[in-house]
N, C-alpha and C. Protein backbone atom coordinates (compact mmCIF):
# COMPACT_ATOMS: atom_id res chain seq x y z
N MET A 1 -8.40 -20.65 4.31
CA MET A 1 -7.63 -19.94 4.94
C MET A 1 -6.06 -20.35 4.85
N GLU A 2 -6.15 -21.64 5.02
CA GLU A 2 -4.67 -22.26 4.98
C GLU A 2 -3.89 -22.29 3.65
N ALA A 3 -4.84 -22.16 2.64
CA ALA A 3 -4.57 -21.93 0.93
C ALA A 3 -4.29 -20.40 1.57
N LYS A 4 -4.34 -19.42 1.62
CA LYS A 4 -3.76 -17.99 2.05
C LYS A 4 -2.87 -18.35 2.75
N ASN A 5 -2.61 -18.70 4.06
CA ASN A 5 -1.45 -18.85 4.77
C ASN A 5 -0.12 -19.27 4.21
N ALA A 6 -0.09 -20.77 2.77
CA ALA A 6 0.25 -21.25 2.36
C ALA A 6 1.01 -20.18 0.91
N LEU A 7 -0.05 -19.39 0.43
CA LEU A 7 0.35 -18.75 -0.84
C LEU A 7 1.32 -17.41 0.27
N ARG A 8 0.83 -16.70 1.06
CA ARG A 8 1.53 -15.82 2.25
C ARG A 8 3.03 -16.05 2.24
N THR A 9 3.26 -17.37 2.40
CA THR A 9 4.56 -18.10 2.70
C THR A 9 5.42 -17.99 1.98
N GLU A 10 4.97 -18.93 0.29
CA GLU A 10 5.80 -18.59 -0.81
C GLU A 10 5.97 -17.06 -1.31
N PHE A 11 4.98 -16.07 -1.11
CA PHE A 11 5.29 -15.29 -2.27
C PHE A 11 5.99 -14.18 -1.42
N ARG A 12 5.64 -14.61 0.10
CA ARG A 12 7.41 -13.57 0.90
C ARG A 12 8.39 -14.24 0.70
N ALA A 13 8.43 -15.87 0.24
CA ALA A 13 9.96 -15.80 -0.25
C ALA A 13 10.54 -15.23 -1.27
N ARG A 14 9.53 -15.51 -2.55
CA ARG A 14 9.97 -14.84 -3.88
C ARG A 14 10.27 -13.25 -3.58
N ARG A 15 9.11 -12.70 -3.18
CA ARG A 15 9.36 -11.41 -2.48
C ARG A 15 10.97 -11.40 -2.09
N ASN A 16 11.32 -11.84 -0.93
CA ASN A 16 12.45 -11.65 -0.08
C ASN A 16 13.26 -12.10 -1.57
N ALA A 17 13.39 -12.88 -2.23
CA ALA A 17 14.69 -13.15 -2.92
C ALA A 17 14.67 -12.41 -3.96
N HIS A 18 13.55 -11.78 -4.68
CA HIS A 18 13.80 -10.77 -5.43
C HIS A 18 14.11 -10.04 -5.06
N VAL A 19 14.06 -8.85 -4.13
CA VAL A 19 14.30 -8.12 -3.79
C VAL A 19 16.12 -8.50 -2.96
N ALA A 20 15.77 -8.93 -2.92
CA ALA A 20 17.82 -9.40 -1.92
C ALA A 20 18.31 -9.71 -3.27
N ALA A 21 18.15 -9.40 -4.62
CA ALA A 21 18.90 -9.94 -6.06
C ALA A 21 18.79 -8.91 -6.69
N LEU A 22 17.56 -7.90 -6.31
CA LEU A 22 18.05 -6.85 -7.08
C LEU A 22 19.21 -5.55 -6.94
N ASP A 23 20.24 -5.23 -7.91
CA ASP A 23 21.45 -4.69 -7.55
C ASP A 23 20.50 -2.84 -7.04
N ALA A 24 21.37 -2.62 -5.70
CA ALA A 24 20.74 -1.82 -5.48
C ALA A 24 20.40 -0.03 -5.97
N ARG A 25 21.44 -0.15 -7.28
CA ARG A 25 21.38 1.02 -8.06
C ARG A 25 19.90 0.88 -8.49
N VAL A 26 19.82 -0.34 -9.44
CA VAL A 26 18.69 -0.53 -9.88
C VAL A 26 17.63 -0.34 -8.87
N LYS A 27 17.24 -0.75 -7.82
CA LYS A 27 16.12 -0.41 -6.80
C LYS A 27 16.12 0.81 -6.63
N ALA A 28 16.99 1.36 -6.73
CA ALA A 28 16.59 2.88 -6.13
C ALA A 28 16.21 3.73 -7.28
N LEU A 29 16.00 3.19 -8.44
CA LEU A 29 15.13 3.55 -9.68
C LEU A 29 13.85 3.51 -9.58
N MET A 30 13.60 2.28 -8.99
CA MET A 30 12.18 1.95 -9.02
C MET A 30 11.40 3.12 -8.09
N PHE A 31 10.21 2.44 -8.33
CA PHE A 31 8.87 3.27 -7.58
C PHE A 31 9.05 4.86 -7.26
N ARG A 32 9.87 5.45 -8.05
CA ARG A 32 10.32 6.91 -7.77
C ARG A 32 9.12 7.76 -8.36
N ARG A 33 8.19 7.66 -9.56
CA ARG A 33 7.26 8.68 -9.72
C ARG A 33 6.10 7.87 -10.02
N PRO A 34 5.22 8.10 -9.91
CA PRO A 34 3.92 7.14 -9.93
C PRO A 34 3.61 7.90 -11.63
N PRO A 35 3.26 6.83 -12.08
CA PRO A 35 3.41 6.47 -14.20
C PRO A 35 2.50 7.66 -13.75
N SER A 36 1.80 8.00 -15.46
CA SER A 36 1.39 9.44 -15.78
C SER A 36 -0.31 8.81 -15.10
N PRO A 37 -0.64 7.59 -16.06
CA PRO A 37 -2.48 6.69 -15.66
C PRO A 37 -2.23 6.82 -14.25
N VAL A 38 -1.18 6.79 -13.06
CA VAL A 38 -1.80 6.51 -12.16
C VAL A 38 -1.98 7.70 -11.48
N MET A 39 -0.82 8.66 -12.37
CA MET A 39 -1.16 10.26 -11.55
C MET A 39 -2.85 10.73 -12.22
N ALA A 40 -3.43 10.13 -13.20
CA ALA A 40 -4.65 10.50 -13.53
C ALA A 40 -5.47 10.09 -13.00
N MET A 41 -5.35 8.98 -11.92
CA MET A 41 -6.39 8.35 -10.96
C MET A 41 -6.49 8.90 -9.58
N VAL A 42 -5.87 9.97 -9.84
CA VAL A 42 -5.67 10.92 -8.27
C VAL A 42 -6.25 12.32 -7.87
N PRO A 43 -7.41 12.25 -7.74
CA PRO A 43 -8.04 13.28 -8.41
C PRO A 43 -7.42 14.87 -7.53
N GLU A 44 -7.73 16.07 -8.26
CA GLU A 44 -6.72 17.09 -8.06
C GLU A 44 -7.37 17.57 -6.00
N GLY A 45 -6.30 17.37 -5.94
CA GLY A 45 -6.52 18.23 -4.17
C GLY A 45 -7.08 17.01 -3.02
N ALA A 46 -6.55 15.49 -3.39
CA ALA A 46 -7.06 14.25 -2.99
C ALA A 46 -6.35 14.37 -1.72
N THR A 47 -7.16 13.53 -0.89
CA THR A 47 -6.25 12.99 0.19
C THR A 47 -5.52 11.97 -0.29
N VAL A 48 -4.11 11.17 -0.27
CA VAL A 48 -3.78 10.06 -0.05
C VAL A 48 -3.41 9.60 0.47
N GLY A 49 -3.42 8.35 0.76
CA GLY A 49 -3.47 7.49 1.74
C GLY A 49 -2.24 6.77 1.33
N ILE A 50 -0.91 6.13 1.77
CA ILE A 50 -0.04 5.46 1.53
C ILE A 50 0.62 4.71 2.88
N TYR A 51 2.07 4.08 2.69
CA TYR A 51 1.91 2.84 3.53
C TYR A 51 4.36 3.55 3.69
N LEU A 52 4.49 3.12 4.53
CA LEU A 52 5.66 3.15 4.76
C LEU A 52 6.44 0.91 4.69
N ALA A 53 6.90 1.12 3.79
CA ALA A 53 7.29 -0.14 3.42
C ALA A 53 8.56 -0.84 3.95
N GLY A 54 7.82 -2.30 4.23
CA GLY A 54 8.62 -3.04 5.33
C GLY A 54 9.89 -3.30 4.17
N PRO A 55 10.77 -4.05 4.61
CA PRO A 55 12.56 -4.23 3.79
C PRO A 55 12.08 -4.45 2.64
N ALA A 56 11.03 -5.73 2.32
CA ALA A 56 11.37 -6.42 0.74
C ALA A 56 9.69 -5.66 -0.32
N GLU A 57 8.57 -5.11 0.92
CA GLU A 57 7.62 -3.93 0.22
C GLU A 57 8.52 -3.30 -1.03
N ALA A 58 7.31 -3.53 -2.10
CA ALA A 58 7.26 -2.27 -2.96
C ALA A 58 7.72 -0.30 -2.04
N PRO A 59 8.97 0.31 -2.22
CA PRO A 59 8.55 1.32 -1.70
C PRO A 59 8.02 2.03 -2.26
N ALA A 60 6.97 3.31 -1.00
CA ALA A 60 6.25 4.08 -1.43
C ALA A 60 6.12 5.42 -1.33
N THR A 61 7.54 5.42 -0.21
CA THR A 61 7.47 6.96 0.00
C THR A 61 7.89 8.31 -0.92
N ALA A 62 8.83 7.91 -1.94
CA ALA A 62 8.84 8.75 -3.07
C ALA A 62 7.92 8.95 -4.08
N TYR A 63 6.72 8.34 -3.89
CA TYR A 63 5.37 8.25 -4.34
C TYR A 63 4.52 9.50 -3.57
N ALA A 64 5.23 9.50 -1.73
CA ALA A 64 4.11 10.53 -1.13
C ALA A 64 4.72 11.60 -1.20
N GLN A 65 6.30 12.09 -1.43
CA GLN A 65 6.86 13.01 -1.77
C GLN A 65 6.58 13.82 -3.51
N VAL A 66 6.46 12.90 -4.41
CA VAL A 66 6.06 13.25 -5.30
C VAL A 66 4.58 14.20 -5.38
N LEU A 67 3.63 13.11 -4.50
CA LEU A 67 2.21 13.64 -4.33
C LEU A 67 2.04 15.00 -3.51
N HIS A 68 2.50 15.13 -2.68
CA HIS A 68 2.86 15.85 -1.97
C HIS A 68 3.73 17.00 -2.26
N GLU A 69 4.27 17.11 -3.41
CA GLU A 69 4.83 18.23 -4.05
C GLU A 69 3.52 18.90 -5.05
N ALA A 70 2.46 17.83 -5.89
CA ALA A 70 1.59 18.25 -6.66
C ALA A 70 0.44 18.62 -5.76
N GLY A 71 0.63 18.92 -5.12
CA GLY A 71 -0.60 19.47 -3.98
C GLY A 71 -1.22 18.53 -3.04
N HIS A 72 -1.04 17.43 -3.08
CA HIS A 72 -1.64 16.09 -2.57
C HIS A 72 -1.26 16.39 -0.80
N LYS A 73 -2.22 16.00 0.22
CA LYS A 73 -2.41 16.11 1.76
C LYS A 73 -2.19 14.26 2.02
N ILE A 74 -1.09 14.03 2.21
CA ILE A 74 -0.57 12.59 2.19
C ILE A 74 -0.66 12.01 3.93
N ALA A 75 -1.38 10.85 3.49
CA ALA A 75 -1.59 10.12 5.39
C ALA A 75 -0.79 9.04 5.13
N LEU A 76 -0.52 8.55 6.90
CA LEU A 76 0.23 6.81 6.89
C LEU A 76 -0.92 6.11 7.70
N PRO A 77 -1.20 5.33 7.76
CA PRO A 77 -1.93 4.06 8.45
C PRO A 77 -1.37 4.65 10.42
N TRP A 78 -1.98 4.53 11.31
CA TRP A 78 -2.05 4.94 12.57
C TRP A 78 -2.91 4.04 13.47
N PHE A 79 -2.21 3.20 14.31
CA PHE A 79 -2.59 2.71 15.56
C PHE A 79 -2.35 2.71 16.68
N ALA A 80 -3.80 3.14 17.52
CA ALA A 80 -3.68 3.58 19.04
C ALA A 80 -3.21 2.25 19.74
N ASP A 81 -2.91 0.66 19.44
CA ASP A 81 -2.44 0.07 19.94
C ASP A 81 -3.07 -1.66 18.97
N ARG A 82 -2.33 -1.91 19.44
CA ARG A 82 -2.27 -3.69 18.11
C ARG A 82 -3.84 -4.31 18.14
N SER A 83 -5.00 -3.59 19.29
CA SER A 83 -5.87 -3.99 18.49
C SER A 83 -7.51 -3.33 18.07
N SER A 84 -6.29 -1.88 18.34
CA SER A 84 -7.29 -1.09 17.57
C SER A 84 -7.82 -1.16 16.19
N PRO A 85 -8.57 -0.85 15.74
CA PRO A 85 -8.81 -0.16 14.19
C PRO A 85 -7.97 0.65 13.78
N MET A 86 -7.36 0.23 12.16
CA MET A 86 -6.57 1.61 11.81
C MET A 86 -7.82 2.42 11.19
N VAL A 87 -6.86 4.17 11.21
CA VAL A 87 -7.26 4.96 10.92
C VAL A 87 -5.81 5.53 10.01
N PHE A 88 -6.14 6.75 9.65
CA PHE A 88 -4.99 7.50 8.67
C PHE A 88 -5.07 8.91 9.16
N ARG A 89 -3.92 9.10 9.40
CA ARG A 89 -3.12 10.56 10.17
C ARG A 89 -2.46 11.22 9.05
N GLU A 90 -2.78 12.28 9.24
CA GLU A 90 -1.36 13.67 8.17
C GLU A 90 -0.04 13.04 8.55
N TRP A 91 0.69 12.82 7.36
CA TRP A 91 2.03 13.09 7.22
C TRP A 91 2.65 14.46 6.42
N SER A 92 2.70 15.59 7.29
CA SER A 92 2.66 16.64 6.77
C SER A 92 4.06 16.99 6.11
N SER A 93 4.54 15.98 5.76
CA SER A 93 6.43 16.33 5.30
C SER A 93 7.12 15.02 5.18
N PRO A 94 6.65 14.52 3.95
CA PRO A 94 7.30 13.46 3.88
C PRO A 94 8.78 12.70 3.57
N TRP A 95 9.40 13.96 4.03
CA TRP A 95 10.79 13.88 3.79
C TRP A 95 11.63 13.92 4.97
N VAL A 96 10.50 14.07 6.38
CA VAL A 96 11.03 14.43 7.55
C VAL A 96 10.33 13.13 8.70
N ASP A 97 11.57 12.23 8.71
CA ASP A 97 11.19 11.17 9.40
C ASP A 97 11.03 11.50 10.87
N GLU A 98 11.33 12.80 11.33
CA GLU A 98 11.37 12.67 13.28
C GLU A 98 10.13 13.72 12.99
N LEU A 99 9.00 13.05 12.33
CA LEU A 99 7.42 13.51 12.80
C LEU A 99 6.89 12.65 12.97
N LEU A 100 7.45 11.30 12.83
CA LEU A 100 7.03 10.08 13.08
C LEU A 100 7.19 9.89 14.00
N ALA A 101 6.49 8.89 15.22
CA ALA A 101 6.98 8.40 16.11
C ALA A 101 6.54 6.84 16.06
N PRO A 102 7.16 5.88 17.25
CA PRO A 102 7.00 4.32 17.57
C PRO A 102 5.59 3.95 17.18
N GLY A 103 4.81 2.98 16.49
CA GLY A 103 4.03 2.57 16.48
C GLY A 103 3.70 1.81 17.36
N PRO A 104 2.65 0.52 17.51
CA PRO A 104 2.93 -0.28 18.22
C PRO A 104 3.19 -1.75 17.97
N TRP A 105 3.51 -1.87 16.76
CA TRP A 105 4.35 -3.09 16.22
C TRP A 105 5.82 -2.50 16.23
N LYS A 106 7.11 -3.47 16.61
CA LYS A 106 8.03 -3.14 16.27
C LYS A 106 8.53 -2.86 15.33
N GLY A 107 9.58 -1.73 15.14
CA GLY A 107 10.15 -1.21 14.14
C GLY A 107 9.33 -0.67 13.04
N ILE A 108 7.99 -0.32 13.70
CA ILE A 108 6.85 0.26 12.25
C ILE A 108 6.54 2.21 12.99
N VAL A 109 7.16 2.66 12.48
CA VAL A 109 6.89 4.05 12.92
C VAL A 109 5.64 4.76 12.46
N GLN A 110 5.07 5.72 12.70
CA GLN A 110 3.45 6.24 12.14
C GLN A 110 3.49 7.65 12.62
N PRO A 111 2.38 8.54 12.02
CA PRO A 111 2.43 9.91 12.55
C PRO A 111 2.50 10.21 14.29
N ALA A 112 2.72 10.87 14.20
CA ALA A 112 2.31 11.46 15.94
C ALA A 112 0.91 11.32 16.40
N GLU A 113 0.29 11.29 17.54
CA GLU A 113 -0.96 10.91 18.01
C GLU A 113 -1.99 11.98 18.02
N ASP A 114 -1.18 13.29 17.84
CA ASP A 114 -1.80 14.83 17.32
C ASP A 114 -1.99 14.77 16.27
N ALA A 115 -1.06 14.30 15.16
CA ALA A 115 -1.33 14.71 13.57
C ALA A 115 -2.79 14.10 13.04
N ALA A 116 -3.40 15.14 12.27
CA ALA A 116 -4.80 14.93 12.17
C ALA A 116 -5.32 13.75 11.57
N GLU A 117 -6.57 13.41 11.85
CA GLU A 117 -6.53 12.21 11.43
C GLU A 117 -7.82 13.18 10.00
N VAL A 118 -7.69 12.08 8.97
CA VAL A 118 -7.72 12.24 7.76
C VAL A 118 -8.55 11.23 6.96
N VAL A 119 -9.43 10.95 6.12
CA VAL A 119 -9.74 9.98 5.18
C VAL A 119 -9.17 9.95 4.00
N PRO A 120 -8.54 8.88 3.44
CA PRO A 120 -7.58 9.30 2.24
C PRO A 120 -8.45 8.89 0.84
N GLU A 121 -8.51 9.42 -0.36
CA GLU A 121 -9.60 9.72 -1.38
C GLU A 121 -8.93 7.89 -1.98
N VAL A 122 -7.59 8.35 -2.09
CA VAL A 122 -7.19 7.12 -3.09
C VAL A 122 -5.88 6.73 -2.33
N LEU A 123 -6.40 5.57 -1.72
CA LEU A 123 -4.95 4.39 -0.94
C LEU A 123 -4.08 3.67 -1.65
N PHE A 124 -2.98 4.18 -1.50
CA PHE A 124 -1.84 2.91 -2.19
C PHE A 124 -1.74 1.94 -0.58
N VAL A 125 -1.66 0.79 -1.20
CA VAL A 125 -1.36 -0.56 -0.47
C VAL A 125 -0.29 -1.32 -0.36
N PRO A 126 -0.04 -2.01 0.28
CA PRO A 126 1.05 -2.96 0.39
C PRO A 126 0.43 -4.20 0.11
N LEU A 127 1.28 -5.37 -0.78
CA LEU A 127 0.46 -6.63 -0.54
C LEU A 127 1.56 -7.53 -0.58
N VAL A 128 1.25 -8.61 -0.09
CA VAL A 128 2.10 -9.68 -0.29
C VAL A 128 2.07 -10.92 -1.96
N ALA A 129 0.53 -10.86 -1.97
CA ALA A 129 0.73 -11.30 -3.52
C ALA A 129 -0.72 -10.65 -4.35
N PHE A 130 -0.72 -10.64 -5.63
CA PHE A 130 -2.51 -10.05 -6.26
C PHE A 130 -2.23 -11.09 -7.25
N SER A 131 -3.93 -11.20 -7.74
CA SER A 131 -3.95 -11.31 -9.47
C SER A 131 -4.21 -10.00 -10.42
N ALA A 132 -4.20 -10.81 -11.31
CA ALA A 132 -4.33 -9.70 -12.74
C ALA A 132 -5.79 -9.37 -12.68
N ASP A 133 -6.15 -10.10 -11.90
CA ASP A 133 -7.92 -9.19 -11.72
C ASP A 133 -8.17 -8.56 -10.71
N GLY A 134 -7.15 -7.73 -9.75
CA GLY A 134 -7.32 -6.88 -8.78
C GLY A 134 -7.57 -7.67 -7.29
N GLY A 135 -7.35 -8.65 -7.26
CA GLY A 135 -7.29 -9.41 -6.01
C GLY A 135 -5.83 -9.25 -5.19
N ARG A 136 -6.26 -9.11 -3.39
CA ARG A 136 -5.05 -8.62 -3.42
C ARG A 136 -4.97 -9.53 -2.42
N LEU A 137 -3.56 -10.08 -1.82
CA LEU A 137 -3.40 -10.90 -0.71
C LEU A 137 -2.95 -10.14 0.43
N GLY A 138 -3.20 -9.74 1.51
CA GLY A 138 -2.14 -8.84 2.32
C GLY A 138 -1.54 -10.19 3.47
N GLN A 139 -0.94 -9.14 4.35
CA GLN A 139 0.12 -9.77 5.53
C GLN A 139 -1.10 -10.75 6.55
N GLY A 140 -2.91 -10.86 6.08
CA GLY A 140 -3.15 -11.89 7.08
C GLY A 140 -4.15 -10.85 8.19
N GLY A 141 -3.54 -9.40 8.41
CA GLY A 141 -4.09 -8.77 9.93
C GLY A 141 -5.65 -8.67 9.17
N GLY A 142 -6.15 -7.90 8.56
CA GLY A 142 -7.23 -7.77 7.80
C GLY A 142 -7.49 -6.12 7.99
N HIS A 143 -6.19 -5.69 8.35
CA HIS A 143 -6.72 -4.00 8.22
C HIS A 143 -7.12 -2.93 7.37
N TYR A 144 -6.50 -3.49 6.40
CA TYR A 144 -6.93 -2.66 5.37
C TYR A 144 -8.29 -2.82 4.31
N ASP A 145 -8.61 -4.39 4.75
CA ASP A 145 -9.93 -5.27 3.95
C ASP A 145 -10.58 -4.26 5.01
N ARG A 146 -10.99 -4.09 6.12
CA ARG A 146 -11.89 -3.44 6.79
C ARG A 146 -11.81 -1.98 6.61
N TRP A 147 -10.99 -1.11 7.20
CA TRP A 147 -10.59 0.36 6.24
C TRP A 147 -11.15 0.09 5.03
N LEU A 148 -10.95 -0.30 3.96
CA LEU A 148 -11.61 -0.70 3.13
C LEU A 148 -13.06 -0.47 2.60
N GLU A 149 -13.63 -1.57 3.24
CA GLU A 149 -15.19 -2.33 3.41
C GLU A 149 -15.60 -0.83 4.01
N ALA A 150 -15.41 -0.27 5.13
CA ALA A 150 -16.02 1.61 6.02
C ALA A 150 -15.91 2.26 4.82
N HIS A 151 -14.46 2.14 4.49
CA HIS A 151 -14.83 3.10 3.21
C HIS A 151 -14.79 3.44 1.59
N PRO A 152 -15.75 2.98 0.99
CA PRO A 152 -15.73 2.04 0.08
C PRO A 152 -15.62 3.11 -0.87
N SER A 153 -15.56 4.48 -1.10
CA SER A 153 -15.41 5.37 -1.73
C SER A 153 -13.90 5.80 -2.21
N THR A 154 -13.34 5.21 -1.14
CA THR A 154 -11.35 5.24 -1.48
C THR A 154 -11.07 4.20 -2.76
N LEU A 155 -10.29 4.63 -3.38
CA LEU A 155 -9.55 4.62 -4.59
C LEU A 155 -8.65 3.42 -3.87
N PRO A 156 -8.64 1.98 -3.54
CA PRO A 156 -7.06 1.43 -3.70
C PRO A 156 -6.46 1.00 -4.59
N ILE A 157 -4.94 1.24 -4.62
CA ILE A 157 -3.72 1.23 -5.67
C ILE A 157 -2.88 0.28 -5.03
N GLY A 158 -2.88 -0.52 -5.58
CA GLY A 158 -1.65 -1.95 -5.20
C GLY A 158 0.16 -1.21 -5.78
N LEU A 159 0.77 -1.31 -4.73
CA LEU A 159 2.30 -1.23 -5.59
C LEU A 159 2.68 -2.53 -5.16
N ALA A 160 3.51 -3.18 -6.28
CA ALA A 160 4.11 -4.92 -6.13
C ALA A 160 5.30 -4.86 -6.76
N TRP A 161 5.95 -5.92 -6.43
CA TRP A 161 7.04 -6.64 -7.81
C TRP A 161 6.81 -7.63 -8.63
N ASP A 162 7.51 -7.10 -9.79
CA ASP A 162 5.96 -7.95 -10.87
C ASP A 162 6.03 -9.75 -10.26
N CYS A 163 7.38 -10.30 -9.75
CA CYS A 163 6.99 -11.72 -8.75
C CYS A 163 6.10 -11.35 -7.86
N GLN A 164 5.22 -10.78 -7.93
CA GLN A 164 4.12 -11.65 -6.59
C GLN A 164 3.06 -11.16 -7.28
N LEU A 165 3.00 -11.45 -8.88
CA LEU A 165 1.76 -11.85 -9.33
C LEU A 165 1.33 -13.04 -9.10
N VAL A 166 0.21 -13.85 -8.65
CA VAL A 166 -0.08 -15.30 -8.65
C VAL A 166 -1.10 -15.35 -9.64
N GLU A 167 -1.52 -16.64 -9.98
CA GLU A 167 -2.28 -16.93 -11.15
C GLU A 167 -3.63 -16.85 -10.25
N HIS A 168 -4.11 -17.53 -9.46
CA HIS A 168 -5.35 -17.39 -9.11
C HIS A 168 -4.88 -17.62 -7.29
N LEU A 169 -6.04 -16.61 -7.10
CA LEU A 169 -5.80 -16.18 -5.79
C LEU A 169 -7.52 -16.39 -4.71
N PRO A 170 -7.30 -17.22 -3.91
CA PRO A 170 -8.56 -17.93 -3.27
C PRO A 170 -8.78 -16.73 -2.74
N ARG A 171 -10.82 -16.06 -2.64
CA ARG A 171 -11.06 -14.76 -2.23
C ARG A 171 -12.58 -15.00 -0.91
N GLU A 172 -12.46 -14.05 -0.26
CA GLU A 172 -13.86 -14.45 0.58
C GLU A 172 -14.06 -13.20 0.44
N ALA A 173 -15.65 -13.02 0.98
CA ALA A 173 -16.93 -11.89 0.85
C ALA A 173 -16.06 -10.54 1.57
N HIS A 174 -14.79 -10.43 2.81
CA HIS A 174 -14.44 -9.71 2.96
C HIS A 174 -12.99 -8.86 2.58
N ASP A 175 -13.11 -9.56 2.00
CA ASP A 175 -11.78 -9.17 1.05
C ASP A 175 -11.89 -8.37 -0.01
N ALA A 176 -11.31 -6.78 -0.45
CA ALA A 176 -11.74 -5.50 -0.98
C ALA A 176 -10.45 -6.26 -1.83
N PRO A 177 -11.56 -5.99 -2.72
CA PRO A 177 -10.58 -5.37 -4.50
C PRO A 177 -9.77 -4.53 -4.26
N LEU A 178 -8.87 -4.32 -5.62
CA LEU A 178 -8.04 -3.31 -5.74
C LEU A 178 -8.45 -2.61 -6.72
N HIS A 179 -8.10 -1.27 -7.20
CA HIS A 179 -8.76 -0.37 -8.56
C HIS A 179 -7.55 -0.52 -9.50
N ALA A 180 -6.12 -0.88 -8.77
CA ALA A 180 -5.31 -1.02 -10.25
C ALA A 180 -4.24 -1.31 -9.36
N VAL A 181 -3.33 -2.06 -10.17
CA VAL A 181 -1.72 -2.48 -9.56
C VAL A 181 -0.91 -2.34 -10.14
N VAL A 182 0.02 -1.26 -9.43
CA VAL A 182 1.62 -0.75 -10.32
C VAL A 182 2.75 -1.60 -9.74
N THR A 183 3.36 -2.31 -11.06
CA THR A 183 4.30 -3.06 -10.55
C THR A 183 6.12 -1.95 -11.30
N PRO A 184 6.59 -2.47 -11.50
CA PRO A 184 7.74 -1.92 -12.23
C PRO A 184 7.54 -1.47 -13.54
N THR A 185 7.03 -2.48 -13.97
CA THR A 185 7.07 -3.22 -15.40
C THR A 185 5.68 -2.36 -16.51
N ARG A 186 4.83 -2.94 -15.38
CA ARG A 186 3.20 -2.68 -16.07
C ARG A 186 1.78 -2.10 -14.90
N ILE A 187 1.42 -1.53 -15.81
CA ILE A 187 -0.17 -0.86 -14.90
C ILE A 187 -1.26 -2.20 -14.99
N TYR A 188 -1.82 -2.74 -13.43
CA TYR A 188 -2.71 -4.01 -14.08
C TYR A 188 -4.12 -2.88 -13.67
N GLY A 189 -5.30 -3.04 -14.39
CA GLY A 189 -6.36 -2.32 -13.78
C GLY A 189 -6.57 -0.65 -15.39
N PRO A 190 -7.06 -0.10 -15.46
CA PRO A 190 -8.05 -0.10 -13.68
C PRO A 190 -9.36 -0.91 -13.84
N TRP A 191 -9.67 -1.34 -12.75
CA TRP A 191 -11.16 -2.55 -12.30
C TRP A 191 -12.04 -1.36 -11.57
N GLU A 192 -13.45 -1.90 -12.06
CA GLU A 192 -14.23 -1.45 -10.95
C GLU A 192 -14.61 -2.08 -9.76
N ARG A 193 -14.41 -1.64 -8.37
CA ARG A 193 -14.40 -2.01 -7.39
C ARG A 193 -15.71 -2.52 -7.06
N GLN A 194 -15.25 -3.83 -7.11
CA GLN A 194 -16.93 -4.71 -6.86
C GLN A 194 -16.65 -5.85 -5.78
N ARG A 195 -17.48 -5.80 -4.94
CA ARG A 195 -17.34 -6.76 -3.80
C ARG A 195 -18.24 -7.73 -3.75
């Protein structure tokens, strides 16, 4: 656990420095459209889970818009409170922020409570660091790991900046592996998901 926390500190700093150094015009062009091999991983008509990125996370909203236009239902994480398990609720229009409500964490919005609860077949996940063999280091809360353990048929795809690649990532039994990772310069994977 200490090794993971040290990696989180190091890679959050790397990610923050990388994003701060990006020219705004360049940043605006990144993660605009899922690459064709990634689109091929999303079955026709699949519900796709996505996240609303924090300031330094790889942005995912443009992916949501492209996938919605391609006929996919889009879902976002939803929490009743900080101790409740994560579920996904439909985001019926990824262009309209007014459909979102404050969540239990300051500054993070989520679908309204009356939005339909859904189970994504494909899930784009945020991360702090990743390894070239599909390992993922998250924020440390375990929300995505627990959700993926309960939904083993869901295909998790990480979105990351290239600077988030780590040579070795300590893994524990509860860590959910990724199917692929997309960065601005390449696609890692796909891998078979094995726990």
